[in-house]
């Protein structure tokens, strides 16, 4: 059965173009129309014309792909730039602008194309048309997840336990790492590791030798992407509490806990040893039993105005590679940064500050694999 509202999955590049152009037509005023001319050459697959009162307004040279990864998007951007530079050198009168069309574009790739000012359309209705001459701007939201993706298809996001384990391992351990080594240190199955590695390679987040080890990892971007795909408040069951005497009183109570295994501090407090941004206003804690921990700390449950959030983590990775600072158990910098970037209030600014420190001081927190 096709997903509600999206029709059957495009079976060919022609289907992609037809469905995407129909989505574009639906956004236009009644006196505007869309015409698609199929070319299927090396430099362009089709031309898309926008007309008003049947008079041409704007023409795009379209590169059509059934699927586009971040790596292929970067390649296509380079190809488009080469074409336009060549046409400029030849003083060609061809004024057609570039466009990418595909079955579905993920939000990160949409952001990449928008940053480069590149127009795109997909078969779900994600549309970005950007022209300076003539001045035309059209932006429309389609699906925010692939509606045709089914079980068994390749990974398309950093949600879920295997992704959490892999991102943390790739951030915490410096390459080179073979896929079996990564699976072992991350604690994932080999199948999950290979699927994630393929996805991360396609997204240009890691590089890997052919059938060999992972040689580089863009761990800052990995943490940013993970923080958006698996936000702290969305992926953990949280409880809000009030410590009436403030965060400093909470830290004193944490030092007095006899069982340090029962919790781990994240967020602003966990960033203090590395990159203190400002006096913490909100404490983020992980615990396998939040209610018991809150009772031991004398915290008051509240519906609003909480200055302490205690989370029951869906992934045990939050307790991996923790350290102790001034008698308090804190999560690894990579975990703290991701939680802050995806957290509430001023947390994202604090996360960006911590991430900047991590980039400048990798030897202070990253590890070498003990082989």
Protein backbone atom coordinates (compact mmCIF):
# COMPACT_ATOMS: atom_id res chain seq x y z
CA UNK A 1 0.00 0.00 0.00
CA UNK A 2 1.40 3.46 -0.87
CA UNK A 3 1.87 5.90 2.04
CA UNK A 4 -1.08 8.19 2.68
CA UNK A 5 -0.95 11.27 0.45
CA UNK A 6 2.22 10.36 -1.45
CA UNK A 7 1.09 7.77 -3.98
CA UNK A 8 3.26 4.91 -5.23
CA UNK A 9 7.01 5.04 -4.89
CA UNK A 10 8.64 6.47 -8.04
CA UNK A 11 10.00 3.48 -9.95
CA UNK A 12 12.24 5.42 -12.33
CA UNK A 13 13.88 8.79 -12.81
CA UNK A 14 11.01 9.68 -15.16
CA UNK A 15 8.51 8.92 -12.38
CA UNK A 16 10.56 11.05 -9.99
CA UNK A 17 10.38 14.02 -12.34
CA UNK A 18 6.68 13.61 -13.07
CA UNK A 19 5.68 13.35 -9.40
CA UNK A 20 7.99 16.17 -8.32
CA UNK A 21 6.75 18.49 -11.09
CA UNK A 22 3.14 17.79 -10.07
CA UNK A 23 4.02 18.78 -6.49
CA UNK A 24 5.57 21.98 -7.82
CA UNK A 25 2.53 22.75 -10.00
CA UNK A 26 0.27 22.43 -6.93
CA UNK A 27 2.16 25.27 -5.19
CA UNK A 28 1.83 27.74 -8.08
CA UNK A 29 -0.90 30.31 -8.80
CA UNK A 30 -3.48 29.38 -11.42
CA UNK A 31 -1.82 31.50 -14.14
CA UNK A 32 1.51 29.67 -13.76
CA UNK A 33 2.37 26.29 -15.27
CA UNK A 34 5.18 23.73 -15.26
CA UNK A 35 6.53 22.06 -18.39
CA UNK A 36 9.05 19.21 -18.31
CA UNK A 37 11.19 18.37 -21.34
CA UNK A 38 13.08 15.08 -21.09
CA UNK A 39 16.61 15.20 -22.46
CA UNK A 40 18.58 12.42 -20.66
CA UNK A 41 22.07 13.55 -21.51
CA UNK A 42 25.36 13.42 -19.59
CA UNK A 43 25.07 16.98 -18.30
CA UNK A 44 21.33 17.15 -17.67
CA UNK A 45 18.45 14.70 -17.53
CA UNK A 46 15.60 17.13 -18.13
CA UNK A 47 14.61 20.76 -18.46
CA UNK A 48 11.90 22.25 -16.32
CA UNK A 49 10.21 25.41 -17.53
CA UNK A 50 8.10 27.75 -15.45
CA UNK A 51 5.58 29.68 -17.51
CA UNK A 52 3.12 32.43 -16.75
CA UNK A 53 0.19 32.98 -19.14
CA UNK A 54 2.01 30.38 -21.30
CA UNK A 55 5.07 32.64 -21.63
CA UNK A 56 8.43 31.26 -20.40
CA UNK A 57 9.66 32.82 -17.16
CA UNK A 58 12.45 30.56 -15.96
CA UNK A 59 14.21 27.38 -17.11
CA UNK A 60 16.14 24.85 -15.03
CA UNK A 61 18.54 22.17 -16.20
CA UNK A 62 17.65 19.23 -13.97
CA UNK A 63 19.82 16.43 -12.64
CA UNK A 64 17.50 13.56 -11.63
CA UNK A 65 18.42 10.84 -9.16
CA UNK A 66 16.14 8.27 -7.55
CA UNK A 67 18.13 8.71 -4.33
CA UNK A 68 20.66 11.31 -3.23
CA UNK A 69 23.09 10.96 -0.34
CA UNK A 70 25.15 13.79 1.09
CA UNK A 71 28.22 12.49 -0.75
CA UNK A 72 26.39 12.31 -4.08
CA UNK A 73 24.88 15.76 -3.46
CA UNK A 74 28.35 17.23 -3.03
CA UNK A 75 29.47 15.50 -6.24
CA UNK A 76 26.46 16.83 -8.15
CA UNK A 77 27.10 20.35 -6.83
CA UNK A 78 30.64 20.17 -8.18
CA UNK A 79 29.35 18.88 -11.51
CA UNK A 80 26.82 21.70 -11.81
CA UNK A 81 29.48 24.29 -10.98
CA UNK A 82 31.75 22.85 -13.69
CA UNK A 83 28.97 23.01 -16.28
CA UNK A 84 28.13 26.64 -15.56
CA UNK A 85 31.78 27.70 -15.51
CA UNK A 86 32.29 26.00 -18.89
CA UNK A 87 29.21 27.70 -20.35
CA UNK A 88 30.46 31.05 -19.05
CA UNK A 89 33.87 30.54 -20.70
CA UNK A 90 32.12 29.69 -23.97
CA UNK A 91 29.90 32.77 -23.58
CA UNK A 92 26.89 30.54 -24.08
CA UNK A 93 23.45 32.13 -24.26
CA UNK A 94 21.98 29.19 -22.33
CA UNK A 95 20.55 30.85 -19.20
CA UNK A 96 19.08 27.69 -17.68
CA UNK A 97 19.78 27.34 -13.98
CA UNK A 98 20.67 24.19 -12.05
CA UNK A 99 18.28 22.00 -10.12
CA UNK A 100 18.35 18.62 -8.40
CA UNK A 101 15.30 16.32 -8.42
CA UNK A 102 14.94 13.12 -6.45
CA UNK A 103 12.50 10.76 -4.77
CA UNK A 104 13.11 12.16 -1.27
CA UNK A 105 15.57 14.65 0.21
CA UNK A 106 16.43 14.39 3.90
CA UNK A 107 16.41 17.63 5.95
CA UNK A 108 20.25 17.71 6.29
CA UNK A 109 20.70 17.50 2.51
CA UNK A 110 18.01 20.13 2.01
CA UNK A 111 19.94 22.40 4.39
CA UNK A 112 23.16 21.74 2.44
CA UNK A 113 21.53 22.67 -0.87
CA UNK A 114 19.87 25.76 0.57
CA UNK A 115 23.20 26.94 1.99
CA UNK A 116 24.68 26.65 -1.52
CA UNK A 117 21.64 28.37 -3.07
CA UNK A 118 20.86 25.30 -5.21
CA UNK A 119 17.27 24.66 -6.27
CA UNK A 120 15.69 21.25 -5.65
CA UNK A 121 12.41 19.36 -5.77
CA UNK A 122 11.45 15.91 -4.54
CA UNK A 123 8.49 13.63 -5.11
CA UNK A 124 7.06 14.30 -1.63
CA UNK A 125 6.81 18.06 -2.15
CA UNK A 126 10.03 19.39 -0.62
CA UNK A 127 10.70 22.34 -2.92
CA UNK A 128 13.28 25.12 -3.04
CA UNK A 129 13.47 27.27 -6.16
CA UNK A 130 15.90 30.14 -5.95
CA UNK A 131 16.55 32.46 -8.88
CA UNK A 132 18.02 35.95 -8.85
CA UNK A 133 17.46 36.72 -12.53
CA UNK A 134 14.54 36.69 -12.94
CA UNK A 135 13.71 36.97 -9.24
CA UNK A 136 11.74 33.85 -8.27
CA UNK A 137 11.66 32.22 -4.86
CA UNK A 138 9.48 29.23 -3.97
CA UNK A 139 9.83 27.18 -0.79
CA UNK A 140 7.54 24.36 0.28
CA UNK A 141 7.73 21.56 2.85
CA UNK A 142 6.98 17.98 1.93
CA UNK A 143 7.69 14.88 3.98
CA UNK A 144 10.22 15.15 6.82
CA UNK A 145 10.90 11.40 6.65
CA UNK A 146 11.10 9.05 3.69
CA UNK A 147 7.51 7.79 3.25
CA UNK A 148 8.59 4.86 1.08
CA UNK A 149 11.28 3.51 3.37
CA UNK A 150 10.41 0.07 4.73
CA UNK A 151 12.04 -2.45 7.05
CA UNK A 152 15.32 -3.80 5.74
CA UNK A 153 16.24 -0.70 3.78
CA UNK A 154 19.52 1.10 4.49
CA UNK A 155 19.81 3.38 7.51
CA UNK A 156 18.71 6.95 6.79
CA UNK A 157 19.15 8.71 10.16
CA UNK A 158 21.03 8.60 13.45
CA UNK A 159 18.06 7.52 15.53
CA UNK A 160 18.08 4.35 17.61
CA UNK A 161 20.45 2.44 19.85
CA UNK A 162 22.99 1.26 17.22
CA UNK A 163 23.42 4.83 15.96
CA UNK A 164 23.92 6.15 19.51
CA UNK A 165 26.59 3.54 20.23
CA UNK A 166 28.36 4.13 16.92
CA UNK A 167 28.36 7.94 17.06
CA UNK A 168 29.76 7.91 20.57
CA UNK A 169 32.49 5.43 19.61
CA UNK A 170 33.45 7.37 16.47
CA UNK A 171 33.64 10.58 18.49
CA UNK A 172 35.53 9.10 21.45
CA UNK A 173 38.08 6.95 19.57
CA UNK A 174 40.48 8.36 16.98
CA UNK A 175 40.77 6.43 13.67
CA UNK A 176 41.98 4.28 12.08
CA UNK A 177 39.30 1.77 13.08
CA UNK A 178 38.22 -1.32 11.21
CA UNK A 179 34.49 -2.02 11.14
CA UNK A 180 34.90 -5.08 13.44
CA UNK A 181 36.91 -2.94 15.88
CA UNK A 182 34.25 -0.26 15.78
CA UNK A 183 31.47 -2.80 16.35
CA UNK A 184 33.36 -4.24 19.33
CA UNK A 185 34.14 -0.94 21.06
CA UNK A 186 30.66 0.41 20.34
CA UNK A 187 28.90 -2.78 21.43
CA UNK A 188 26.83 -3.22 18.26
CA UNK A 189 26.25 -6.18 16.00
CA UNK A 190 28.41 -6.51 12.89
CA UNK A 191 25.36 -6.08 10.67
CA UNK A 192 24.35 -2.83 12.36
CA UNK A 193 27.93 -1.57 12.21
CA UNK A 194 28.26 -2.19 8.48
CA UNK A 195 24.87 -0.55 7.77
CA UNK A 196 25.80 2.53 9.81
CA UNK A 197 29.24 2.74 8.23
CA UNK A 198 27.68 2.63 4.75
CA UNK A 199 25.24 5.39 5.69
CA UNK A 200 27.91 7.58 7.30
CA UNK A 201 30.21 7.10 4.30
CA UNK A 202 27.42 8.13 1.91
CA UNK A 203 26.77 11.18 4.08
CA UNK A 204 30.49 12.13 3.94
CA UNK A 205 30.66 11.94 7.74
CA UNK A 206 33.43 9.33 7.65
CA UNK A 207 35.94 8.13 5.08
CA UNK A 208 36.95 4.52 4.70
CA UNK A 209 39.48 2.71 2.57
CA UNK A 210 37.96 0.27 0.09
CA UNK A 211 37.16 -2.81 2.22
CA UNK A 212 39.53 -1.36 4.79
CA UNK A 213 39.50 0.71 7.99
CA UNK A 214 37.75 3.97 8.71
CA UNK A 215 40.44 6.63 8.26
CA UNK A 216 38.66 9.85 9.25
CA UNK A 217 35.51 10.80 11.13
CA UNK A 218 33.88 14.22 11.08
CA UNK A 219 32.93 13.80 14.73
CA UNK A 220 31.77 17.43 15.27
CA UNK A 221 29.22 17.09 12.47
CA UNK A 222 28.34 13.59 13.69
CA UNK A 223 27.48 14.97 17.12
CA UNK A 224 25.50 17.84 15.60
CA UNK A 225 23.50 15.47 13.39
CA UNK A 226 22.95 12.98 16.22
CA UNK A 227 21.75 15.76 18.53
CA UNK A 228 19.10 16.73 15.97
CA UNK A 229 18.00 13.21 15.01
CA UNK A 230 17.83 12.07 18.64
CA UNK A 231 17.10 15.13 20.78
CA UNK A 232 17.55 14.79 24.55
CA UNK A 233 13.91 15.51 25.44
CA UNK A 234 12.57 13.36 22.59
CA UNK A 235 14.63 10.22 23.15
CA UNK A 236 14.68 9.97 26.94
CA UNK A 237 11.89 9.63 29.47
CA UNK A 238 12.37 12.73 31.61
CA UNK A 239 11.16 13.97 35.00
CA UNK A 240 11.26 17.61 36.13
CA UNK A 241 12.35 18.51 39.67
CA UNK A 242 13.13 21.56 41.72
CA UNK A 243 16.15 21.97 43.95
CA UNK A 244 15.00 25.02 45.98
CA UNK A 245 18.53 26.01 47.00
CA UNK A 246 19.87 25.92 43.45
CA UNK A 247 22.36 23.97 41.39
CA UNK A 248 25.25 24.44 43.83
CA UNK A 249 23.22 22.68 46.52
CA UNK A 250 22.54 19.84 44.07
CA UNK A 251 26.25 19.35 43.38
CA UNK A 252 26.96 19.16 47.11
CA UNK A 253 24.33 16.43 47.49
CA UNK A 254 25.72 14.52 44.51
CA UNK A 255 29.19 14.45 46.11
CA UNK A 256 27.65 12.94 49.23
CA UNK A 257 25.99 10.03 47.40
CA UNK A 258 27.52 6.76 48.51
CA UNK A 259 26.64 4.97 45.23
CA UNK A 260 28.13 6.83 42.29
CA UNK A 261 26.91 4.11 39.92
CA UNK A 262 23.30 5.28 40.27
CA UNK A 263 23.65 8.42 38.12
CA UNK A 264 25.68 10.41 35.61
CA UNK A 265 25.57 14.18 35.16
CA UNK A 266 25.27 15.64 31.65
CA UNK A 267 24.55 19.07 30.17
CA UNK A 268 25.95 22.29 31.62
CA UNK A 269 27.45 20.68 34.72
CA UNK A 270 29.31 18.07 32.68
CA UNK A 271 30.77 20.85 30.52
CA UNK A 272 32.20 22.77 33.49
CA UNK A 273 35.58 20.94 33.64
CA UNK A 274 36.20 21.63 29.95
CA UNK A 275 34.37 24.71 28.66
CA UNK A 276 32.32 26.55 31.31
CA UNK A 277 29.89 28.76 29.43
CA UNK A 278 28.11 30.43 32.34
CA UNK A 279 26.73 29.57 35.75
CA UNK A 280 24.52 26.48 35.16
CA UNK A 281 20.80 27.17 35.39
CA UNK A 282 19.58 23.68 34.56
CA UNK A 283 21.02 20.32 35.60
CA UNK A 284 20.64 17.25 33.37
CA UNK A 285 21.07 13.90 35.10
CA UNK A 286 20.79 10.32 33.89
CA UNK A 287 19.60 7.58 36.21
CA UNK A 288 18.29 4.05 35.77
CA UNK A 289 15.77 4.88 38.51
CA UNK A 290 14.97 8.62 38.42
CA UNK A 291 12.36 8.57 41.19
CA UNK A 292 14.70 6.87 43.67
CA UNK A 293 17.58 9.21 42.80
CA UNK A 294 15.33 12.28 43.17
CA UNK A 295 14.18 11.06 46.57
CA UNK A 296 17.76 10.51 47.73
CA UNK A 297 18.68 14.01 46.59
CA UNK A 298 15.62 15.58 48.19
CA UNK A 299 14.29 16.99 44.92
CA UNK A 300 10.71 18.20 44.60
CA UNK A 301 8.72 17.01 41.52
CA UNK A 302 7.23 19.95 39.59
CA UNK A 303 5.17 20.38 36.41
CA UNK A 304 6.93 23.65 35.49
CA UNK A 305 9.87 25.72 36.67
CA UNK A 306 12.20 22.71 37.04
CA UNK A 307 15.91 23.39 37.51
CA UNK A 308 16.77 19.67 37.48
CA UNK A 309 15.82 17.18 34.75
CA UNK A 310 16.40 13.53 35.54
CA UNK A 311 16.23 11.21 32.52
CA UNK A 312 15.83 7.48 32.28
CA UNK A 313 18.02 6.80 29.23
CA UNK A 314 16.86 4.58 26.40
CA UNK A 315 20.48 3.84 25.60
CA UNK A 316 23.10 2.65 28.11
CA UNK A 317 25.75 4.47 26.07
CA UNK A 318 25.29 7.53 28.31
CA UNK A 319 27.17 5.66 31.04
CA UNK A 320 30.08 4.71 28.75
CA UNK A 321 33.43 6.38 29.39
CA UNK A 322 32.20 8.54 32.27
CA UNK A 323 34.69 10.35 34.53
CA UNK A 324 34.67 11.90 37.99
CA UNK A 325 35.09 15.65 38.50
CA UNK A 326 35.18 17.19 41.98
CA UNK A 327 33.49 14.09 43.34
CA UNK A 328 30.68 14.13 40.75
CA UNK A 329 30.22 11.48 38.08
CA UNK A 330 29.93 13.16 34.66
CA UNK A 331 29.29 11.82 31.17
CA UNK A 332 31.93 11.93 28.43
CA UNK A 333 32.33 15.30 26.64
CA UNK A 334 30.83 13.82 23.46
CA UNK A 335 27.64 12.87 25.31
CA UNK A 336 27.44 16.22 27.09
CA UNK A 337 27.88 18.13 23.82
CA UNK A 338 25.15 16.15 22.03
CA UNK A 339 22.73 16.55 24.96
CA UNK A 340 23.35 20.29 25.09
CA UNK A 341 23.02 20.77 21.33
CA UNK A 342 19.64 19.01 21.41
CA UNK A 343 18.55 20.41 24.75
CA UNK A 344 16.21 23.23 25.84
CA UNK A 345 16.79 26.93 26.52
CA UNK A 346 20.36 28.16 26.16
CA UNK A 347 21.67 24.57 26.05
CA UNK A 348 22.41 24.65 22.27
CA UNK A 349 24.68 27.71 22.73
CA UNK A 350 26.47 25.92 25.56
CA UNK A 351 26.80 22.84 23.36
CA UNK A 352 28.35 24.86 20.54
CA UNK A 353 30.84 26.38 23.02
CA UNK A 354 31.79 22.92 24.34
CA UNK A 355 32.12 21.54 20.82
CA UNK A 356 34.49 24.37 19.91
CA UNK A 357 36.67 23.50 22.92
CA UNK A 358 36.64 19.81 21.92
CA UNK A 359 37.79 20.68 18.39
CA UNK A 360 40.66 22.77 19.77
CA UNK A 361 41.70 20.17 22.38
CA UNK A 362 41.11 16.67 20.93
CA UNK A 363 44.05 15.17 22.86
CA UNK A 364 42.39 16.15 26.15
CA UNK A 365 39.40 13.82 25.68
CA UNK A 366 39.73 11.55 22.61
CA UNK A 367 41.22 8.09 23.03
CA UNK A 368 43.35 5.69 21.04
CA UNK A 369 41.99 2.17 20.68
CA UNK A 370 43.86 -0.23 22.93
CA UNK A 371 44.67 -3.05 20.51
